Amino acid sequence: MLKIQGLCKVFNPNTVNENKIFDNFSIDINKGDFITIIGSNGAGKSTLLNLISGNINIDSGLIVLDGKDVSYKEEFKRAKYIGRVYQNPSFGVSPNMTILENLALADNKGKKYGLSFGINKKRIEYYKELLTKLDLGLENKLYNKVTLLSGGQRQALTLMMAVMSEPKLLLLDEHTAALDPKTSAKIMEITKNVVKEKEITTLMVTHNMKHALECGNILLMMHAGKVIVDVSGKEKKNLTTEKLMEMFGKANAIEELSDRSLLTSLA
C-alpha cells in the first residue's frame, strides 16, 4: 500500500550544519495497518511524515502510495490521497470560518466547485451525524466559528475533516501532544474508532508510550533515521513500557557496535 525505498534526505548539505536524517531508508506498509511510531527528538519521525506528504522534498529514493509513484509530486497533489492531523489544533482548520464551512471545504476536497456553491444544504444532516459520533456537542454548533472551540474540539473536528474524503493514508503527527490528559484520552478514543470504522492505513507519531502500546497493530521505534524496534501482533500486545525501553537499549547498543565496526573497517 505504501512503499518507501532507498529514501535519502540531508538538510543543509555541504555546510557546517549538515544533518543527514535518512540514508537509504526503506519500509513497506500494508493496507489497513495502523502503525504507531515513537523515538527520541531528532529520530526522523515527523520528517518521515513530511516527506511522505510532500511537505518536504526528498533528495532521492522512491515513495509509492497505492501503486502510484508520488516521490516528486507536489504536496497539493498528494493531498488527494492523504489526510493529516498536526500537533497544533489550529493547523487543520480555518479558525475564522464556521464548523459548517470547514466541513464543506473538507467534503469538497479534490472536487471542482465554485465558492457560491461551497455548502450543499443537503449535506448538513450528514455533517450533524458525523459530529454526533464525536460526542462533543459540535452538532449543535455548526454556525459557530472554529476559533471559539477548545483545542480538543478543534482537533476532533480536524480529524473528522481529514478522513471525510476517504484518503488512502492518514498521517497523525503527535496530534494529542498539545492537549491536557483528559482531552488527549478522548481524542485517542475518537482516533481509534475512526481508523477502525474507515479502515484507513494510518501512521501515528507519538511521544506517549501508553498510546503507542494501546493503539494500532504495529509499533516502530526510530533512532537516527532508522527503525531499530519493529513489533507487531502478539508481541506488541504483550509489551510494557519497561520492556519497550529495554528493547530500545539493546537495539541502540547493537546499532552503536555496528557503526563502530563500520568505522574500523574503513580505517
Protein backbone atom coordinates (compact mmCIF):
# COMPACT_ATOMS: atom_id res chain seq x y z
CA MET A 1 0.00 0.00 0.00
CA LEU A 2 2.84 2.37 0.96
CA LYS A 3 6.32 1.51 -0.24
CA ILE A 4 9.35 3.62 0.63
CA GLN A 5 12.63 2.54 -0.90
CA GLY A 6 16.14 3.99 -0.67
CA LEU A 7 14.93 7.25 0.87
CA CYS A 8 17.63 9.87 1.45
CA LYS A 9 17.31 13.30 2.99
CA VAL A 10 20.01 15.73 4.09
CA PHE A 11 19.36 19.20 5.49
CA ASN A 12 21.92 21.98 4.91
CA PRO A 13 24.20 19.82 2.74
CA ASN A 14 27.88 20.74 2.41
CA THR A 15 27.74 23.16 5.33
CA VAL A 16 28.86 23.00 8.97
CA ASN A 17 25.16 22.46 9.82
CA GLU A 18 24.75 19.43 7.55
CA ASN A 19 22.26 16.98 9.06
CA LYS A 20 21.68 13.64 7.36
CA ILE A 21 18.24 12.43 8.52
CA PHE A 22 17.69 9.45 6.22
CA ASP A 23 20.28 7.40 4.35
CA ASN A 24 18.82 4.62 2.19
CA PHE A 25 15.72 4.22 4.38
CA SER A 26 13.15 1.63 3.25
CA ILE A 27 9.85 0.35 4.63
CA ASP A 28 6.75 -1.45 3.32
CA ILE A 29 3.34 -0.77 4.87
CA ASN A 30 0.32 -2.91 4.11
CA LYS A 31 -3.22 -1.70 3.54
CA GLY A 32 -5.12 -1.36 6.80
CA ASP A 33 -2.04 -1.18 9.02
CA PHE A 34 -2.24 1.21 11.98
CA ILE A 35 1.38 1.94 12.83
CA THR A 36 2.46 3.86 15.91
CA ILE A 37 5.91 5.49 15.73
CA ILE A 38 7.97 6.52 18.73
CA GLY A 39 11.54 7.70 19.23
CA SER A 40 13.67 10.47 20.65
CA ASN A 41 13.76 14.03 19.30
CA GLY A 42 15.62 14.12 16.00
CA ALA A 43 14.94 10.46 15.23
CA GLY A 44 13.21 11.42 11.97
CA LYS A 45 9.60 10.68 12.92
CA SER A 46 7.91 13.90 11.85
CA THR A 47 10.36 14.35 8.97
CA LEU A 48 9.23 10.97 7.63
CA LEU A 49 5.60 12.15 7.61
CA ASN A 50 6.64 15.41 5.93
CA LEU A 51 8.48 13.51 3.20
CA ILE A 52 5.52 11.18 2.63
CA SER A 53 3.06 14.09 2.42
CA GLY A 54 5.33 16.18 0.19
CA ASN A 55 5.66 18.97 2.74
CA ILE A 56 9.41 18.39 2.39
CA ASN A 57 11.06 17.19 -0.82
CA ILE A 58 13.14 14.02 -0.81
CA ASP A 59 16.71 14.07 -2.10
CA SER A 60 16.45 10.64 -3.66
CA GLY A 61 14.52 7.42 -3.31
CA LEU A 62 11.05 6.14 -4.07
CA ILE A 63 7.66 6.72 -2.42
CA VAL A 64 4.82 4.67 -3.87
CA LEU A 65 1.31 5.16 -2.47
CA ASP A 66 -1.41 2.74 -3.51
CA GLY A 67 0.52 1.84 -6.64
CA LYS A 68 1.20 5.45 -7.63
CA ASP A 69 4.70 6.93 -7.62
CA VAL A 70 4.35 10.17 -5.63
CA SER A 71 8.09 10.62 -4.93
CA TYR A 72 8.29 14.05 -6.54
CA LYS A 73 4.64 15.10 -6.73
CA GLU A 74 3.65 18.42 -5.17
CA GLU A 75 2.04 18.34 -1.74
CA PHE A 76 -1.35 19.54 -3.00
CA LYS A 77 -1.49 16.65 -5.47
CA ARG A 78 -0.68 14.08 -2.78
CA ALA A 79 -3.32 15.62 -0.52
CA LYS A 80 -5.94 13.90 -2.68
CA TYR A 81 -4.78 10.58 -1.22
CA ILE A 82 -3.51 11.67 2.19
CA GLY A 83 -5.26 13.03 5.28
CA ARG A 84 -3.18 14.67 8.01
CA VAL A 85 -3.65 15.94 11.55
CA TYR A 86 -0.92 18.09 13.12
CA GLN A 87 0.12 18.68 16.72
CA ASN A 88 -1.29 22.23 16.66
CA PRO A 89 -5.12 22.04 16.78
CA SER A 90 -5.36 25.15 14.58
CA PHE A 91 -3.34 23.79 11.64
CA GLY A 92 -6.02 21.57 10.11
CA VAL A 93 -8.90 24.05 10.22
CA SER A 94 -9.77 27.58 9.14
CA PRO A 95 -10.35 29.26 12.54
CA ASN A 96 -12.30 32.26 11.20
CA MET A 97 -14.77 30.07 9.32
CA THR A 98 -17.68 28.21 10.89
CA ILE A 99 -17.72 24.50 11.64
CA LEU A 100 -20.16 24.06 8.75
CA GLU A 101 -17.89 25.93 6.33
CA ASN A 102 -14.88 23.88 7.42
CA LEU A 103 -16.76 20.62 6.92
CA ALA A 104 -17.94 21.75 3.49
CA LEU A 105 -14.36 22.51 2.46
CA ALA A 106 -13.23 19.05 3.58
CA ASP A 107 -16.22 17.44 1.90
CA ASN A 108 -15.33 19.12 -1.41
CA LYS A 109 -11.64 18.22 -1.22
CA GLY A 110 -10.42 17.26 -4.68
CA LYS A 111 -13.67 18.34 -6.34
CA LYS A 112 -14.29 21.31 -8.60
CA TYR A 113 -16.80 23.77 -7.21
CA GLY A 114 -17.50 27.49 -7.11
CA LEU A 115 -17.37 29.38 -3.84
CA SER A 116 -21.03 30.25 -4.10
CA PHE A 117 -21.87 26.56 -4.05
CA GLY A 118 -19.39 25.60 -1.32
CA ILE A 119 -22.06 24.44 1.12
CA ASN A 120 -24.55 21.87 -0.04
CA LYS A 121 -27.57 22.20 2.26
CA LYS A 122 -28.48 18.59 1.55
CA ARG A 123 -25.26 17.55 3.33
CA ILE A 124 -25.95 19.40 6.59
CA GLU A 125 -27.75 16.46 8.22
CA TYR A 126 -24.85 14.23 7.23
CA TYR A 127 -22.42 16.64 8.88
CA LYS A 128 -24.52 16.61 12.05
CA GLU A 129 -24.45 12.81 12.09
CA LEU A 130 -20.66 12.82 11.81
CA LEU A 131 -20.28 15.35 14.62
CA THR A 132 -22.72 13.47 16.86
CA LYS A 133 -20.36 10.49 16.81
CA LEU A 134 -17.68 12.67 18.43
CA ASP A 135 -19.89 13.17 21.49
CA LEU A 136 -18.63 16.73 21.98
CA GLY A 137 -21.81 18.64 21.21
CA LEU A 138 -20.41 20.09 17.99
CA GLU A 139 -23.51 19.10 16.05
CA ASN A 140 -25.28 21.94 17.85
CA LYS A 141 -22.57 24.49 16.99
CA LEU A 142 -22.48 24.25 13.20
CA TYR A 143 -22.66 28.02 12.75
CA ASN A 144 -20.04 28.83 15.41
CA LYS A 145 -16.61 29.95 14.27
CA VAL A 146 -13.91 27.36 14.89
CA THR A 147 -11.80 29.93 16.76
CA LEU A 148 -14.37 29.71 19.59
CA LEU A 149 -13.77 25.97 20.09
CA SER A 150 -11.45 24.39 22.63
CA GLY A 151 -8.23 22.70 21.48
CA GLY A 152 -9.77 19.26 21.88
CA GLN A 153 -12.88 20.21 19.90
CA ARG A 154 -10.72 21.63 17.10
CA GLN A 155 -8.58 18.51 16.98
CA ALA A 156 -11.63 16.26 16.86
CA LEU A 157 -13.04 18.39 14.03
CA THR A 158 -9.70 18.29 12.21
CA LEU A 159 -9.59 14.51 12.49
CA MET A 160 -13.09 14.19 11.11
CA MET A 161 -12.26 16.56 8.25
CA ALA A 162 -9.07 14.62 7.46
CA VAL A 163 -10.99 11.40 6.77
CA MET A 164 -14.12 12.78 5.09
CA SER A 165 -12.71 12.34 1.59
CA GLU A 166 -11.77 8.70 2.33
CA PRO A 167 -7.98 9.14 1.97
CA LYS A 168 -5.73 6.17 1.26
CA LEU A 169 -3.42 7.17 4.11
CA LEU A 170 -3.86 9.06 7.38
CA LEU A 171 -0.87 10.79 8.99
CA LEU A 172 -1.15 11.75 12.66
CA ASP A 173 1.75 13.90 13.84
CA GLU A 174 1.63 13.96 17.66
CA HIS A 175 -1.99 15.07 17.37
CA THR A 176 -2.67 14.81 21.12
CA ALA A 177 0.58 16.37 22.39
CA ALA A 178 -0.86 19.87 22.87
CA LEU A 179 -3.90 18.64 24.81
CA ASP A 180 -4.47 18.01 28.51
CA PRO A 181 -4.50 14.32 29.61
CA LYS A 182 -8.30 14.01 29.76
CA THR A 183 -8.83 15.60 26.34
CA SER A 184 -5.92 13.63 24.91
CA ALA A 185 -7.55 10.37 26.00
CA LYS A 186 -10.84 11.45 24.38
CA ILE A 187 -9.13 12.29 21.08
CA MET A 188 -7.34 8.94 21.11
CA GLU A 189 -10.65 7.16 21.66
CA ILE A 190 -12.11 9.03 18.68
CA THR A 191 -8.99 8.25 16.64
CA LYS A 192 -9.22 4.51 17.26
CA ASN A 193 -12.92 4.48 16.39
CA VAL A 194 -12.44 6.49 13.17
CA VAL A 195 -9.50 4.41 11.94
CA LYS A 196 -11.34 1.17 12.68
CA GLU A 197 -14.58 2.32 11.05
CA LYS A 198 -12.93 3.73 7.94
CA GLU A 199 -10.23 1.01 7.75
CA ILE A 200 -7.68 3.67 6.83
CA THR A 201 -3.98 2.85 6.71
CA THR A 202 -2.53 5.07 9.44
CA LEU A 203 0.86 6.28 10.65
CA MET A 204 0.77 7.90 14.09
CA VAL A 205 3.80 9.64 15.59
CA THR A 206 3.56 9.99 19.35
CA HIS A 207 5.68 10.58 22.44
CA ASN A 208 3.03 8.94 24.60
CA MET A 209 4.15 5.37 25.33
CA LYS A 210 0.68 4.39 26.55
CA HIS A 211 -0.92 5.47 23.28
CA ALA A 212 1.82 3.78 21.26
CA LEU A 213 1.27 0.48 23.06
CA GLU A 214 -2.54 0.56 23.13
CA CYS A 215 -3.15 1.70 19.55
CA GLY A 216 -2.52 0.02 16.23
CA ASN A 217 -1.21 -3.37 15.15
CA ILE A 218 2.45 -2.39 14.62
CA LEU A 219 4.85 -0.35 16.74
CA LEU A 220 8.06 1.13 15.35
CA MET A 221 10.79 2.79 17.36
CA MET A 222 13.07 5.08 15.38
CA HIS A 223 16.54 6.35 16.18
CA ALA A 224 18.86 8.42 13.98
CA GLY A 225 16.72 7.88 10.89
CA LYS A 226 16.46 4.12 11.29
CA VAL A 227 13.84 1.69 12.61
CA ILE A 228 15.54 -0.09 15.50
CA VAL A 229 12.47 -1.77 17.03
CA ASP A 230 9.63 -3.29 14.99
CA VAL A 231 6.97 -5.28 16.85
CA SER A 232 3.50 -6.45 15.89
CA GLY A 233 0.80 -8.96 16.72
CA LYS A 234 1.03 -10.89 19.98
CA GLU A 235 4.48 -9.47 20.73
CA LYS A 236 3.09 -5.94 20.66
CA LYS A 237 0.07 -6.85 22.80
CA ASN A 238 2.34 -8.24 25.49
CA LEU A 239 4.66 -5.23 25.53
CA THR A 240 5.03 -2.99 28.57
CA THR A 241 6.75 0.38 28.76
CA GLU A 242 9.59 -1.21 30.72
CA LYS A 243 10.06 -3.98 28.16
CA LEU A 244 9.95 -1.47 25.31
CA MET A 245 12.68 0.65 26.87
CA GLU A 246 14.76 -2.47 27.42
CA MET A 247 14.39 -3.34 23.74
CA PHE A 248 15.41 0.19 22.81
CA GLY A 249 18.54 -0.05 24.93
CA LYS A 250 19.58 -3.34 23.37
CA ALA A 251 18.81 -2.23 19.81
CA ASN A 252 20.66 1.04 20.29
CA ALA A 253 23.69 -0.79 21.67
CA ILE A 254 23.72 -3.11 18.66
CA GLU A 255 23.45 -0.09 16.33
CA GLU A 256 26.40 1.60 18.02
CA LEU A 257 28.50 -1.56 17.78
CA SER A 258 27.62 -1.86 14.11
CA ASP A 259 28.68 1.74 13.46
CA ARG A 260 31.98 1.17 15.28
CA SER A 261 32.64 -1.96 13.23
CA LEU A 262 32.00 0.00 10.04
CA LEU A 263 34.34 2.78 11.12
CA THR A 264 37.03 0.19 11.99
CA SER A 265 36.68 -1.47 8.59
CA LEU A 266 37.06 1.88 6.87
CA ALA A 267 40.07 2.96 8.92
